[in-house]
Amino acid sequence: MKKVNRWIDSHFRNIFLLFLYLQPFLDVLTAWGINYFQMNLTIGIIVRLLFLVFLFYCFLFLSHDQEKKKEGYYLGVLLLYAISFASLILIKKGTGAFLYEMQGSFRSFYFPIALLLMYSIQKERNEKIELRHYVRILMIYVFFILVPTFFHLGFDAYTQGKVGNLGWFHSTNEISAILSLFLPYFMLYLMDRKKTKTSLCLKILASGTLLYALFTLGTKMTIISLGLTLCFFGIHYLIELRKKKAYRQIRIWLVLILTIAGTGVFLIPKTSFYQNIQIHLNYLGVTNPIQIVTNPKVLDHFVFSSRLSFLAQTNKNYMKAPLEEKMLGIGYIENYGTDEVNLKLIEMDFFDLFYRHGIIGFLLYMLPICLVLKTIFQSIKKQKKLSLEKKTFLLSLLLIGIMAFLVGHVLVAPSVSIFIISLLLENSPKEEVAKKSRKVS
């Protein structure tokens, strides 16, 4: 057993990296299982559950974190909450809803549990995942979108009304979230000439395929993320060039930006994204863009995809619930056993977590996230000047927050949250220990 533990300890980062590379393949297998075999228990859930068990093992036997007891207390309290929530589901809804509720709870709480375990294990490790690994994983996702799309073998992003190609994936929101949170790192990779040896032609090819994938999905969030990312890097480099008084390069940048903008104006109307905007506006009978802002119903339907309506209905059900459900959560099936039964989530992560798991569950969920973010921001405050890498992380964090609040399927989706965990750990301060720094190559 000691030999096994030593091997795991010395190869932990590589094991985690392998797990990250597995994510797009797990998502493809999950989509096939759901679409072709109507599987409820997918290969993605099984493998991610096994990895969580592996993290528990490492936490118990490999972690040397001095605050391990505090983290153990948290996990103990979380276990008590899980038992209480499960008992409440059995009492209120019976065995018929139990499996569905537990599956939803597992998906949601995967993020804080895995984050806390990884944080404890990685606190003393100075290993770093190279930027190129994130880019490679991103391009694997792009590959599994483009190839099925070209050969008409993929799944439609929407079941009715709108258009879009999802490739061999199941959830449009989850895939768009993954592409969006990696966009800043892809831009960093393109701009970093010193650390990347990729040829210009290959970078142009990768950029073209990524842009095609973003627009062919047909979702608004990926395009918003792309716009914010391009604006950030464009402004950053213009400021840097102005400091260096490189006015000739500034002119080149401005010409490049105008060229990209002009090309976008010509090409965007031909994309699924633009077609969906037109379809949506025509469906709502909108003839003047001002109506989107002035009409609350149109605003909710067009911008929030009726999420505000679902939020209002769920809030109504929550307010009618007894005290124990307000504290522990109303669960993932609203009005169970009545004619008004509802399985539809709000798809705004923070609200879904609060209503589904109540005041206690929400506070327990947010505690590890706040802990890690606190250590990260304390470390950032100490830095006199932020590096571009740190600014890129903050941009990605901003995109994660926007997506979690507006479109959901970010914090509560293990396929997305595992990458958030990786980015958070990469930017969290490490304890000084008498160990050599390891680096994944």
Protein backbone atom coordinates (compact mmCIF):
# COMPACT_ATOMS: atom_id res chain seq x y z
CA MET A 1 0.00 0.00 0.00
CA LYS A 2 2.88 2.38 0.76
CA LYS A 3 4.28 1.85 -2.72
CA VAL A 4 0.88 2.59 -4.24
CA ASN A 5 0.55 5.76 -2.18
CA ARG A 6 4.04 6.92 -3.15
CA TRP A 7 3.26 6.30 -6.82
CA ILE A 8 -0.04 8.21 -6.59
CA ASP A 9 1.67 11.05 -4.71
CA SER A 10 4.40 11.43 -7.33
CA HIS A 11 1.96 11.11 -10.27
CA PHE A 12 -1.08 12.92 -8.86
CA ARG A 13 -0.82 15.93 -11.18
CA ASN A 14 -0.50 13.69 -14.23
CA ILE A 15 -3.54 11.68 -13.10
CA PHE A 16 -5.54 14.89 -12.75
CA LEU A 17 -4.32 16.10 -16.14
CA LEU A 18 -5.39 12.82 -17.72
CA PHE A 19 -8.82 13.25 -16.12
CA LEU A 20 -9.07 16.71 -17.69
CA TYR A 21 -8.21 15.27 -21.11
CA LEU A 22 -10.91 12.62 -20.62
CA GLN A 23 -13.68 15.20 -20.19
CA PRO A 24 -14.58 15.75 -23.87
CA PHE A 25 -14.58 11.98 -24.49
CA LEU A 26 -16.80 11.40 -21.45
CA ASP A 27 -19.19 14.08 -22.72
CA VAL A 28 -19.34 12.41 -26.15
CA LEU A 29 -20.04 9.00 -24.59
CA THR A 30 -22.68 10.60 -22.36
CA ALA A 31 -24.41 12.18 -25.38
CA TRP A 32 -24.38 8.87 -27.27
CA GLY A 33 -25.75 7.05 -24.22
CA ILE A 34 -28.61 9.52 -23.82
CA ASN A 35 -29.50 10.00 -27.50
CA TYR A 36 -29.06 6.44 -28.77
CA PHE A 37 -29.72 4.26 -25.71
CA GLN A 38 -31.83 6.55 -23.45
CA MET A 39 -29.46 5.83 -20.54
CA ASN A 40 -30.15 7.54 -17.21
CA LEU A 41 -26.90 6.41 -15.58
CA THR A 42 -24.22 7.46 -18.07
CA ILE A 43 -20.52 6.67 -18.34
CA GLY A 44 -19.78 10.31 -17.50
CA ILE A 45 -21.51 10.09 -14.12
CA ILE A 46 -19.80 6.78 -13.30
CA VAL A 47 -16.26 7.92 -14.14
CA ARG A 48 -16.67 11.26 -12.36
CA LEU A 49 -18.03 9.48 -9.29
CA LEU A 50 -15.03 7.14 -9.30
CA PHE A 51 -12.68 10.13 -9.55
CA LEU A 52 -14.40 11.71 -6.56
CA VAL A 53 -13.84 8.47 -4.60
CA PHE A 54 -10.19 8.63 -5.67
CA LEU A 55 -9.97 12.21 -4.34
CA PHE A 56 -11.41 11.10 -1.00
CA TYR A 57 -8.72 8.41 -0.80
CA CYS A 58 -5.98 10.94 -1.56
CA PHE A 59 -7.43 13.37 0.97
CA LEU A 60 -7.37 10.73 3.70
CA PHE A 61 -3.97 9.18 3.01
CA LEU A 62 -1.90 11.64 0.93
CA SER A 63 -2.88 15.13 2.05
CA HIS A 64 -0.52 16.82 4.52
CA ASP A 65 -2.63 19.96 4.82
CA GLN A 66 -2.36 21.47 8.31
CA GLU A 67 -6.04 22.49 8.15
CA LYS A 68 -7.15 19.01 7.14
CA LYS A 69 -9.23 18.62 10.31
CA LYS A 70 -11.26 21.74 9.48
CA GLU A 71 -11.96 20.42 6.01
CA GLY A 72 -12.89 17.07 7.55
CA TYR A 73 -15.40 18.84 9.84
CA TYR A 74 -16.93 20.54 6.83
CA LEU A 75 -17.31 17.22 5.00
CA GLY A 76 -18.90 15.75 8.13
CA VAL A 77 -21.46 18.59 8.33
CA LEU A 78 -22.11 18.21 4.60
CA LEU A 79 -22.75 14.49 5.13
CA LEU A 80 -25.27 15.31 7.86
CA TYR A 81 -26.99 17.73 5.48
CA ALA A 82 -27.05 15.09 2.71
CA ILE A 83 -28.65 12.54 5.07
CA SER A 84 -31.22 15.12 6.21
CA PHE A 85 -32.02 16.16 2.62
CA ALA A 86 -32.34 12.52 1.48
CA SER A 87 -34.59 11.72 4.45
CA LEU A 88 -36.78 14.73 3.65
CA ILE A 89 -37.11 13.57 0.03
CA LEU A 90 -38.12 10.06 1.13
CA ILE A 91 -40.71 11.42 3.58
CA LYS A 92 -42.19 14.06 1.28
CA LYS A 93 -41.85 12.42 -2.15
CA GLY A 94 -41.24 8.72 -1.54
CA THR A 95 -38.93 6.30 -3.33
CA GLY A 96 -40.25 7.20 -6.81
CA ALA A 97 -38.46 10.54 -6.83
CA PHE A 98 -35.45 9.54 -4.73
CA LEU A 99 -33.04 8.51 -7.51
CA TYR A 100 -33.83 11.61 -9.61
CA GLU A 101 -33.31 13.91 -6.64
CA MET A 102 -30.04 12.24 -5.60
CA GLN A 103 -28.68 12.41 -9.14
CA GLY A 104 -29.44 16.13 -9.29
CA SER A 105 -27.82 16.67 -5.89
CA PHE A 106 -24.69 14.76 -6.93
CA ARG A 107 -24.30 16.88 -10.07
CA SER A 108 -24.71 20.08 -8.08
CA PHE A 109 -22.46 19.30 -5.11
CA TYR A 110 -19.70 17.72 -7.21
CA PHE A 111 -18.07 21.15 -7.55
CA PRO A 112 -17.63 22.21 -3.87
CA ILE A 113 -16.67 18.68 -2.73
CA ALA A 114 -14.09 18.12 -5.49
CA LEU A 115 -12.79 21.68 -5.05
CA LEU A 116 -12.24 21.25 -1.30
CA LEU A 117 -10.55 17.85 -1.70
CA MET A 118 -8.32 19.06 -4.53
CA TYR A 119 -7.49 22.25 -2.62
CA SER A 120 -6.37 20.23 0.40
CA ILE A 121 -4.31 17.82 -1.72
CA GLN A 122 -2.77 20.52 -3.94
CA LYS A 123 -2.08 23.15 -1.27
CA GLU A 124 1.52 21.98 -0.84
CA ARG A 125 2.20 21.29 -4.50
CA ASN A 126 3.81 23.79 -6.85
CA GLU A 127 3.14 21.84 -10.03
CA LYS A 128 1.72 23.73 -12.96
CA ILE A 129 -0.37 22.66 -15.92
CA GLU A 130 1.05 24.27 -19.02
CA LEU A 131 -1.17 26.63 -21.02
CA ARG A 132 -0.96 24.39 -24.07
CA HIS A 133 -2.86 21.63 -22.28
CA TYR A 134 -5.90 23.86 -21.89
CA VAL A 135 -5.68 24.81 -25.56
CA ARG A 136 -5.43 21.16 -26.63
CA ILE A 137 -8.46 20.21 -24.54
CA LEU A 138 -10.37 23.12 -26.05
CA MET A 139 -9.48 21.97 -29.57
CA ILE A 140 -10.66 18.42 -28.78
CA TYR A 141 -14.07 19.89 -27.97
CA VAL A 142 -13.96 21.87 -31.23
CA PHE A 143 -13.05 18.69 -33.13
CA PHE A 144 -16.08 16.84 -31.72
CA ILE A 145 -18.29 19.73 -32.86
CA LEU A 146 -16.88 20.25 -36.34
CA VAL A 147 -16.42 16.66 -37.61
CA PRO A 148 -20.01 15.50 -36.89
CA THR A 149 -21.32 18.82 -38.25
CA PHE A 150 -19.45 18.47 -41.56
CA PHE A 151 -20.68 14.89 -42.04
CA HIS A 152 -24.21 15.62 -40.74
CA LEU A 153 -23.80 13.10 -37.91
CA GLY A 154 -24.15 15.46 -34.96
CA PHE A 155 -27.05 16.37 -32.71
CA ASP A 156 -29.14 19.50 -33.12
CA ALA A 157 -28.50 22.18 -30.54
CA TYR A 158 -32.21 22.95 -30.36
CA THR A 159 -35.21 20.61 -30.61
CA GLN A 160 -37.55 23.19 -32.10
CA GLY A 161 -37.59 26.64 -33.64
CA LYS A 162 -33.94 27.65 -33.56
CA VAL A 163 -30.99 26.22 -35.49
CA GLY A 164 -27.54 25.12 -34.38
CA ASN A 165 -25.14 22.18 -34.43
CA LEU A 166 -23.98 20.62 -31.18
CA GLY A 167 -21.65 17.98 -32.63
CA TRP A 168 -21.50 14.84 -30.50
CA PHE A 169 -22.50 16.57 -27.29
CA HIS A 170 -25.74 16.63 -25.34
CA SER A 171 -25.99 19.99 -23.56
CA THR A 172 -25.64 23.23 -25.50
CA ASN A 173 -25.25 25.30 -22.32
CA GLU A 174 -22.50 23.09 -20.88
CA ILE A 175 -20.43 22.99 -24.07
CA SER A 176 -20.83 26.73 -24.65
CA ALA A 177 -19.73 27.32 -21.04
CA ILE A 178 -16.58 25.21 -21.52
CA LEU A 179 -15.68 26.99 -24.76
CA SER A 180 -16.33 30.39 -23.16
CA LEU A 181 -14.23 29.90 -20.03
CA PHE A 182 -11.28 28.71 -22.13
CA LEU A 183 -11.52 31.58 -24.64
CA PRO A 184 -9.26 33.96 -22.64
CA TYR A 185 -6.61 31.24 -22.36
CA PHE A 186 -6.80 30.56 -26.07
CA MET A 187 -6.22 34.27 -26.75
CA LEU A 188 -3.33 34.28 -24.28
CA TYR A 189 -1.84 31.32 -26.16
CA LEU A 190 -2.15 33.14 -29.49
CA MET A 191 -0.52 36.31 -28.18
CA ASP A 192 2.31 34.69 -26.17
CA ARG A 193 5.12 34.42 -28.69
CA LYS A 194 7.84 33.62 -26.14
CA LYS A 195 6.29 30.54 -24.53
CA THR A 196 4.53 29.05 -27.55
CA LYS A 197 6.31 27.60 -30.53
CA THR A 198 3.22 26.94 -32.64
CA SER A 199 3.50 28.21 -36.21
CA LEU A 200 1.41 31.17 -37.35
CA CYS A 201 -0.44 29.04 -39.92
CA LEU A 202 -1.47 26.53 -37.24
CA LYS A 203 -2.66 29.34 -34.96
CA ILE A 204 -4.75 30.81 -37.78
CA LEU A 205 -6.25 27.37 -38.52
CA ALA A 206 -7.06 26.78 -34.84
CA SER A 207 -8.62 30.26 -34.56
CA GLY A 208 -10.76 29.70 -37.65
CA THR A 209 -12.08 26.33 -36.48
CA LEU A 210 -12.80 27.70 -32.99
CA LEU A 211 -14.71 30.68 -34.41
CA TYR A 212 -16.72 28.37 -36.65
CA ALA A 213 -17.61 26.17 -33.68
CA LEU A 214 -18.64 29.18 -31.56
CA PHE A 215 -20.98 30.54 -34.23
CA THR A 216 -22.38 27.19 -35.35
CA LEU A 217 -23.61 26.41 -31.81
CA GLY A 218 -26.11 29.22 -32.17
CA THR A 219 -25.94 30.40 -28.52
CA LYS A 220 -25.68 34.02 -27.43
CA MET A 221 -23.35 33.39 -24.48
CA THR A 222 -20.40 32.16 -26.54
CA ILE A 223 -20.58 35.25 -28.73
CA ILE A 224 -20.83 37.56 -25.70
CA SER A 225 -17.81 35.79 -24.19
CA LEU A 226 -15.91 36.15 -27.47
CA GLY A 227 -16.73 39.86 -27.62
CA LEU A 228 -15.60 40.48 -24.03
CA THR A 229 -12.40 38.50 -24.59
CA LEU A 230 -11.49 40.33 -27.80
CA CYS A 231 -12.22 43.71 -26.19
CA PHE A 232 -10.08 42.86 -23.16
CA PHE A 233 -7.03 41.76 -25.15
CA GLY A 234 -7.44 44.53 -27.72
CA ILE A 235 -7.52 47.24 -25.03
CA HIS A 236 -4.70 45.56 -23.07
CA TYR A 237 -2.30 45.54 -26.02
CA LEU A 238 -3.22 49.05 -27.14
CA ILE A 239 -2.41 50.32 -23.62
CA GLU A 240 0.88 48.39 -23.58
CA LEU A 241 1.86 49.73 -27.01
CA ARG A 242 0.98 53.28 -25.95
CA LYS A 243 3.25 52.94 -22.89
CA LYS A 244 6.07 51.90 -25.22
CA LYS A 245 5.12 54.73 -27.62
CA ALA A 246 4.95 52.17 -30.42
CA TYR A 247 2.58 54.30 -32.51
CA ARG A 248 3.23 52.40 -35.73
CA GLN A 249 2.16 49.14 -34.10
CA ILE A 250 -0.90 50.91 -32.64
CA ARG A 251 -1.96 51.87 -36.16
CA ILE A 252 -1.46 48.26 -37.28
CA TRP A 253 -3.59 47.04 -34.36
CA LEU A 254 -6.36 49.51 -35.19
CA VAL A 255 -6.35 48.47 -38.85
CA LEU A 256 -6.46 44.80 -37.76
CA ILE A 257 -9.38 45.47 -35.39
CA LEU A 258 -11.31 47.34 -38.11
CA THR A 259 -10.61 44.52 -40.59
CA ILE A 260 -11.87 41.88 -38.14
CA ALA A 261 -14.95 43.99 -37.39
CA GLY A 262 -15.68 44.47 -41.10
CA THR A 263 -15.26 40.76 -41.79
CA GLY A 264 -17.55 40.00 -38.88
CA VAL A 265 -20.28 42.29 -40.22
CA PHE A 266 -20.13 40.37 -43.51
CA LEU A 267 -19.95 36.82 -42.11
CA ILE A 268 -22.13 36.93 -38.95
CA PRO A 269 -25.46 37.12 -40.89
CA LYS A 270 -24.59 33.72 -42.40
CA THR A 271 -24.17 31.99 -39.02
CA SER A 272 -26.57 29.96 -36.86
CA PHE A 273 -26.16 32.57 -34.13
CA TYR A 274 -27.55 35.36 -36.33
CA GLN A 275 -30.34 33.15 -37.71
CA ASN A 276 -31.44 32.34 -34.16
CA ILE A 277 -31.56 36.05 -33.30
CA GLN A 278 -33.80 36.64 -36.32
CA ILE A 279 -36.00 33.62 -35.56
CA HIS A 280 -36.40 34.70 -31.94
CA LEU A 281 -37.25 38.32 -32.80
CA ASN A 282 -39.76 37.24 -35.46
CA TYR A 283 -41.39 34.83 -33.00
CA LEU A 284 -41.79 37.63 -30.45
CA GLY A 285 -43.04 40.04 -33.12
CA VAL A 286 -40.27 42.54 -32.39
CA THR A 287 -39.86 45.15 -35.12
CA ASN A 288 -37.92 47.71 -33.10
CA PRO A 289 -34.90 46.75 -30.93
CA ILE A 290 -36.06 49.24 -28.29
CA GLN A 291 -38.96 46.88 -27.55
CA ILE A 292 -36.48 44.39 -26.07
CA VAL A 293 -35.60 46.85 -23.29
CA THR A 294 -38.98 48.49 -22.77
CA ASN A 295 -41.18 45.37 -22.76
CA PRO A 296 -40.47 43.15 -19.67
CA LYS A 297 -42.00 40.04 -21.26
CA VAL A 298 -39.90 40.44 -24.41
CA LEU A 299 -36.80 41.13 -22.30
CA ASP A 300 -37.36 37.96 -20.28
CA HIS A 301 -38.06 35.80 -23.33
CA PHE A 302 -35.31 37.17 -25.60
CA VAL A 303 -32.46 37.87 -23.15
CA PHE A 304 -33.18 35.36 -20.36
CA SER A 305 -35.03 32.66 -22.36
CA SER A 306 -37.96 32.90 -19.89
CA ARG A 307 -35.71 32.18 -16.92
CA LEU A 308 -37.21 35.06 -14.95
CA SER A 309 -40.66 33.49 -15.35
CA PHE A 310 -39.35 30.14 -14.08
CA LEU A 311 -37.63 32.00 -11.23
CA ALA A 312 -40.90 33.66 -10.20
CA GLN A 313 -42.78 30.33 -10.25
CA THR A 314 -40.09 28.49 -8.26
CA ASN A 315 -39.94 31.32 -5.73
CA LYS A 316 -43.71 31.03 -5.32
CA ASN A 317 -43.41 27.28 -4.66
CA TYR A 318 -40.53 27.88 -2.23
CA MET A 319 -42.48 30.48 -0.25
CA LYS A 320 -45.39 28.04 0.12
CA ALA A 321 -43.07 25.24 1.33
CA PRO A 322 -42.86 24.34 5.05
CA LEU A 323 -39.92 25.54 7.17
CA GLU A 324 -37.93 22.29 6.86
CA GLU A 325 -38.00 22.57 3.04
CA LYS A 326 -36.99 26.24 3.21
CA MET A 327 -33.96 25.20 5.26
CA LEU A 328 -33.02 21.98 3.43
CA GLY A 329 -34.44 22.67 -0.04
CA ILE A 330 -37.54 21.90 -2.11
CA GLY A 331 -35.58 19.51 -4.32
CA TYR A 332 -35.50 19.09 -8.08
CA ILE A 333 -39.15 18.10 -8.55
CA GLU A 334 -41.56 20.89 -7.71
CA ASN A 335 -45.17 20.16 -6.69
CA TYR A 336 -44.49 16.41 -6.68
CA GLY A 337 -47.64 14.28 -6.74
CA THR A 338 -49.86 17.08 -8.09
CA ASP A 339 -51.11 18.13 -11.51
CA GLU A 340 -48.63 21.05 -11.40
CA VAL A 341 -45.50 18.87 -11.13
CA ASN A 342 -42.45 20.62 -12.61
CA LEU A 343 -39.00 19.23 -13.47
CA LYS A 344 -37.76 22.38 -15.21
CA LEU A 345 -34.81 24.10 -13.54
CA ILE A 346 -34.48 27.88 -13.53
CA GLU A 347 -31.08 27.46 -15.24
CA MET A 348 -29.55 30.26 -13.18
CA ASP A 349 -27.13 28.39 -10.95
CA PHE A 350 -27.18 30.53 -7.82
CA PHE A 351 -30.99 30.57 -7.69
CA ASP A 352 -31.27 26.86 -8.48
CA LEU A 353 -28.85 26.02 -5.69
CA PHE A 354 -30.72 28.19 -3.18
CA TYR A 355 -34.21 26.87 -3.94
CA ARG A 356 -33.26 23.21 -4.54
CA HIS A 357 -31.09 22.92 -1.41
CA GLY A 358 -32.43 25.62 0.85
CA ILE A 359 -30.63 28.05 3.12
CA ILE A 360 -28.42 25.41 4.78
CA GLY A 361 -27.49 23.65 1.55
CA PHE A 362 -26.70 26.93 -0.22
CA LEU A 363 -24.43 28.16 2.59
CA LEU A 364 -22.60 24.81 2.71
CA TYR A 365 -22.22 24.90 -1.07
CA MET A 366 -20.72 28.39 -1.15
CA LEU A 367 -18.35 27.97 1.82
CA PRO A 368 -15.46 26.14 0.05
CA ILE A 369 -15.79 28.39 -3.00
CA CYS A 370 -15.57 31.55 -0.87
CA LEU A 371 -12.59 30.05 1.02
CA VAL A 372 -10.59 29.42 -2.15
CA LEU A 373 -11.55 32.75 -3.75
CA LYS A 374 -10.54 34.57 -0.56
CA THR A 375 -7.03 33.07 -0.62
CA ILE A 376 -6.70 33.88 -4.35
CA PHE A 377 -7.74 37.53 -4.00
CA GLN A 378 -5.56 38.00 -0.91
CA SER A 379 -2.62 36.75 -2.97
CA ILE A 380 -3.52 39.05 -5.87
CA LYS A 381 -3.71 42.09 -3.55
CA LYS A 382 -0.10 41.54 -2.52
CA GLN A 383 1.13 41.77 -6.12
CA LYS A 384 2.32 45.22 -7.18
CA LYS A 385 1.58 44.54 -10.84
CA LEU A 386 -0.67 41.86 -12.24
CA SER A 387 0.77 39.67 -14.97
CA LEU A 388 -1.19 39.06 -18.16
CA GLU A 389 -1.69 35.45 -17.03
CA LYS A 390 -3.36 36.65 -13.81
CA LYS A 391 -5.51 39.13 -15.73
CA THR A 392 -6.53 36.32 -18.07
CA PHE A 393 -7.62 34.23 -15.08
CA LEU A 394 -9.68 37.14 -13.72
CA LEU A 395 -11.36 37.55 -17.11
CA SER A 396 -12.16 33.84 -17.21
CA LEU A 397 -13.50 34.09 -13.64
CA LEU A 398 -15.72 36.99 -14.72
CA LEU A 399 -17.10 34.95 -17.63
CA ILE A 400 -17.75 32.01 -15.27
CA GLY A 401 -19.70 34.29 -12.92
CA ILE A 402 -21.76 35.81 -15.74
CA MET A 403 -22.59 32.40 -17.22
CA ALA A 404 -23.46 30.87 -13.84
CA PHE A 405 -25.81 33.77 -13.10
CA LEU A 406 -27.44 34.16 -16.52
CA VAL A 407 -27.51 30.77 -18.28
CA GLY A 408 -26.63 28.15 -15.66
CA HIS A 409 -25.15 24.68 -16.22
CA VAL A 410 -21.79 25.95 -14.96
CA LEU A 411 -21.36 25.37 -11.23
CA VAL A 412 -23.92 22.55 -11.17
CA ALA A 413 -22.45 20.66 -14.14
CA PRO A 414 -19.41 18.42 -13.32
CA SER A 415 -18.30 18.51 -16.96
CA VAL A 416 -17.83 22.29 -16.61
CA SER A 417 -16.97 22.69 -12.94
CA ILE A 418 -13.94 20.36 -13.10
CA PHE A 419 -12.24 22.92 -15.37
CA ILE A 420 -13.18 25.74 -13.00
CA ILE A 421 -11.54 23.76 -10.20
CA SER A 422 -8.38 23.41 -12.26
CA LEU A 423 -8.21 27.15 -12.99
CA LEU A 424 -8.88 28.07 -9.35
CA LEU A 425 -6.15 25.74 -8.08
CA GLU A 426 -3.67 27.03 -10.65
CA ASN A 427 -4.13 30.52 -9.24
CA SER A 428 -4.37 29.73 -5.52
CA PRO A 429 -1.27 30.40 -3.37
CA LYS A 430 0.72 27.34 -2.34
CA GLU A 431 2.22 26.68 1.06
CA GLU A 432 5.99 26.64 1.24
CA VAL A 433 7.15 23.08 1.79
CA ALA A 434 10.42 21.24 1.52
CA LYS A 435 9.51 19.63 -1.79
CA LYS A 436 10.85 20.19 -5.23
CA SER A 437 8.49 21.93 -7.59
CA ARG A 438 7.00 19.50 -10.12
CA LYS A 439 5.87 20.58 -13.57
CA VAL A 440 3.63 18.82 -16.08
CA SER A 441 5.23 18.97 -19.49
